[in-house]
């Protein structure tokens, strides 16, 4: 898998995502049901897939990417990564969960903003909200506000139901 770079890829993506998970734990807590939530899985899964694609310059098969996803989800959740990866893959394929799609879309918005890869940055409603309609111009502050709008607030609202 990924030649001799498998462990490095898994380590890199896990290390890239670990602070995100730790900040979630500090900010709102992570109950067991957190990892079963479609929105959470969509958001975190998209972030993992993005990091995997950015980290690996080597074309890899779907099964190789799937194996890496299992290990990364296991490392981050300390749960059954295989079960989480299966659910993630199923939701990706059948598009049966609006919550999953919203989580993935929100992650894409945040990541593309942070990587300065958005086509509609000046008109995107969430970016405008995060910048307080242009009053804030610092990308780091806007990115932090955007993460709160797109991830932390929705997860806080969802945790009320856990």
Foldseek 3Di string as FASTA:
>chain_A
DLPPCLVVLLVVLLVVCQVVLVVLCVPARDDPCQLVDLLNLLQVVLSSVVSSPVVRPDDDDPVSVLVSQLSSCCSRNVDRSNVSSVVSVVCVVPVPDPSSVLSNVLNCVLVCLVVVNDPCCLPDPLLCVLCVNVVRDDSVSSSVSSCCVRPVVVVNVVVVVD
